[in-house]
Protein backbone atom coordinates (compact mmCIF):
# COMPACT_ATOMS: atom_id res chain seq x y z
CA MET A 1 93.16 148.78 114.44
CA ASP A 2 93.70 149.96 110.89
CA PHE A 3 95.71 148.32 108.16
CA THR A 4 98.05 149.75 105.55
CA SER A 5 98.67 148.57 102.02
CA GLY A 6 102.29 147.92 102.90
CA ALA A 7 103.97 145.11 104.76
CA ALA A 8 101.94 143.28 107.35
CA VAL A 9 102.89 141.01 110.20
CA GLY A 10 101.82 137.38 110.11
CA PRO A 11 102.28 134.10 108.26
CA ARG A 12 102.81 134.26 104.48
CA PHE A 13 101.21 132.14 101.80
CA ASP A 14 103.77 130.77 99.34
CA GLN A 15 101.82 129.66 96.28
CA GLY A 16 105.06 128.57 94.62
CA GLY A 17 105.61 126.09 97.45
CA TYR A 18 102.51 124.14 96.41
CA ASP A 19 101.66 122.41 93.15
CA LEU A 20 98.82 124.81 92.33
CA GLY A 21 97.89 126.22 88.97
CA LEU A 22 97.92 129.94 88.41
CA GLY A 23 94.92 131.95 89.50
CA ASN A 24 92.25 131.72 92.12
CA ASN A 25 90.60 128.45 93.10
CA VAL A 26 88.27 129.54 95.89
CA TYR A 27 85.40 132.02 95.94
CA GLY A 28 82.51 132.64 98.26
CA SER A 29 80.53 134.88 100.52
CA LEU A 30 80.24 135.59 104.23
CA PRO A 31 76.55 136.48 104.64
CA SER A 32 76.76 137.05 108.40
CA ALA A 33 79.72 139.47 108.18
CA ALA A 34 79.15 143.05 109.32
CA GLY A 35 81.79 144.42 106.94
CA ALA A 36 85.18 143.81 105.34
CA LEU A 37 87.06 145.77 108.00
CA ASP A 38 85.41 143.80 110.80
CA VAL A 39 86.32 140.51 109.12
CA ALA A 40 89.89 141.70 108.49
CA ARG A 41 90.21 142.59 112.18
CA ALA A 42 88.86 139.18 113.19
CA PHE A 43 91.37 137.39 110.95
CA ARG A 44 94.20 139.53 112.36
CA GLY A 45 93.08 138.62 115.87
CA ALA A 46 93.26 134.95 114.84
CA GLY A 47 96.89 135.38 113.76
CA TRP A 48 96.45 135.88 110.02
CA ARG A 49 98.48 138.38 108.01
CA VAL A 50 96.25 141.28 106.92
CA ARG A 51 96.81 144.28 104.67
CA ARG A 52 94.60 146.84 102.95
CA SER A 53 94.48 146.08 99.21
CA GLY A 54 92.17 148.90 98.11
CA TRP A 55 90.03 151.65 99.59
CA THR A 56 87.62 149.14 101.13
CA GLU A 57 89.21 145.77 100.30
CA TYR A 58 91.50 143.67 102.45
CA GLU A 59 93.84 140.77 101.81
CA VAL A 60 94.10 138.11 104.49
CA GLU A 61 96.61 135.29 104.31
CA HIS A 62 97.97 132.34 106.20
CA THR A 63 100.36 129.56 105.25
CA TYR A 64 97.62 127.70 103.34
CA ALA A 65 95.39 130.45 101.91
CA GLN A 66 95.29 133.99 100.57
CA LEU A 67 91.93 135.74 100.24
CA GLU A 68 90.77 139.12 99.00
CA LEU A 69 87.78 140.45 100.98
CA ARG A 70 85.39 142.64 98.97
CA PRO A 71 82.72 144.73 100.72
CA ASP A 72 79.76 143.61 98.64
CA THR A 73 76.41 142.63 100.14
CA PRO A 74 76.93 139.95 101.24
CA LEU A 75 80.67 140.29 101.77
CA ARG A 76 82.49 138.31 99.07
CA PHE A 77 85.95 136.85 98.81
CA GLY A 78 88.16 135.21 96.22
CA GLY A 79 91.61 133.77 96.35
CA VAL A 80 93.74 130.68 96.62
CA VAL A 81 93.64 127.83 99.12
CA VAL A 82 95.68 124.64 99.18
CA PRO A 83 92.92 122.13 98.30
CA GLY A 84 94.02 119.69 101.01
CA ARG A 85 93.64 122.47 103.58
CA ILE A 86 90.09 123.57 102.70
CA GLY A 87 88.95 122.10 106.04
CA ASP A 88 91.30 124.52 107.82
CA LEU A 89 89.79 127.46 105.96
CA LEU A 90 86.24 126.34 106.79
CA SER A 91 87.27 125.90 110.43
CA ALA A 92 88.74 129.42 110.46
CA PHE A 93 85.45 130.87 109.22
CA SER A 94 83.54 128.88 111.84
CA ALA A 95 85.94 129.86 114.64
CA LEU A 96 85.36 133.52 113.74
CA GLY A 97 81.60 132.98 113.87
CA LEU A 98 81.17 133.60 110.14
CA ALA A 99 78.44 131.85 108.19
CA HIS A 100 79.94 131.03 104.81
CA VAL A 101 79.36 129.74 101.31
CA VAL A 102 82.61 128.50 99.77
CA GLU A 103 83.16 127.30 96.21
CA LEU A 104 86.38 125.33 95.67
CA TYR A 105 87.35 124.78 92.04
CA HIS A 106 89.49 121.74 91.24
CA GLU A 107 92.17 121.44 88.56
CA ASP A 108 90.01 118.91 86.68
CA GLY A 109 87.27 121.54 86.32
CA GLY A 110 85.10 120.16 89.12
CA GLU A 111 83.65 122.25 91.91
CA THR A 112 82.77 121.57 95.53
CA VAL A 113 80.45 123.90 97.47
CA TYR A 114 80.54 124.14 101.26
CA ARG A 115 77.87 125.93 103.31
CA SER A 116 77.58 126.77 106.95
């Protein structure tokens, strides 16, 4: 399965539908990931919307999160997640068998780090 940079099938993230500030609030890495394409395929298999956003980058999104996957070593991501749904994002990583380090930045300037 390959992805295009155009329209993709799957649930959309509507940042305007949530009271979120502008910009990203979640960053992290997936140290057990084989590669960005493999992770994109896994997210698509789990029902997420996926599109190619660069030569080797992918955007994955669901109703509560939108992430950009970057093929660094380890694989890194950044994006937006509804803070109250961070547990759903962590569960998605776990369900896909992905070890993860997630940094969630709060509007008050605080940060919470999750590791698995």
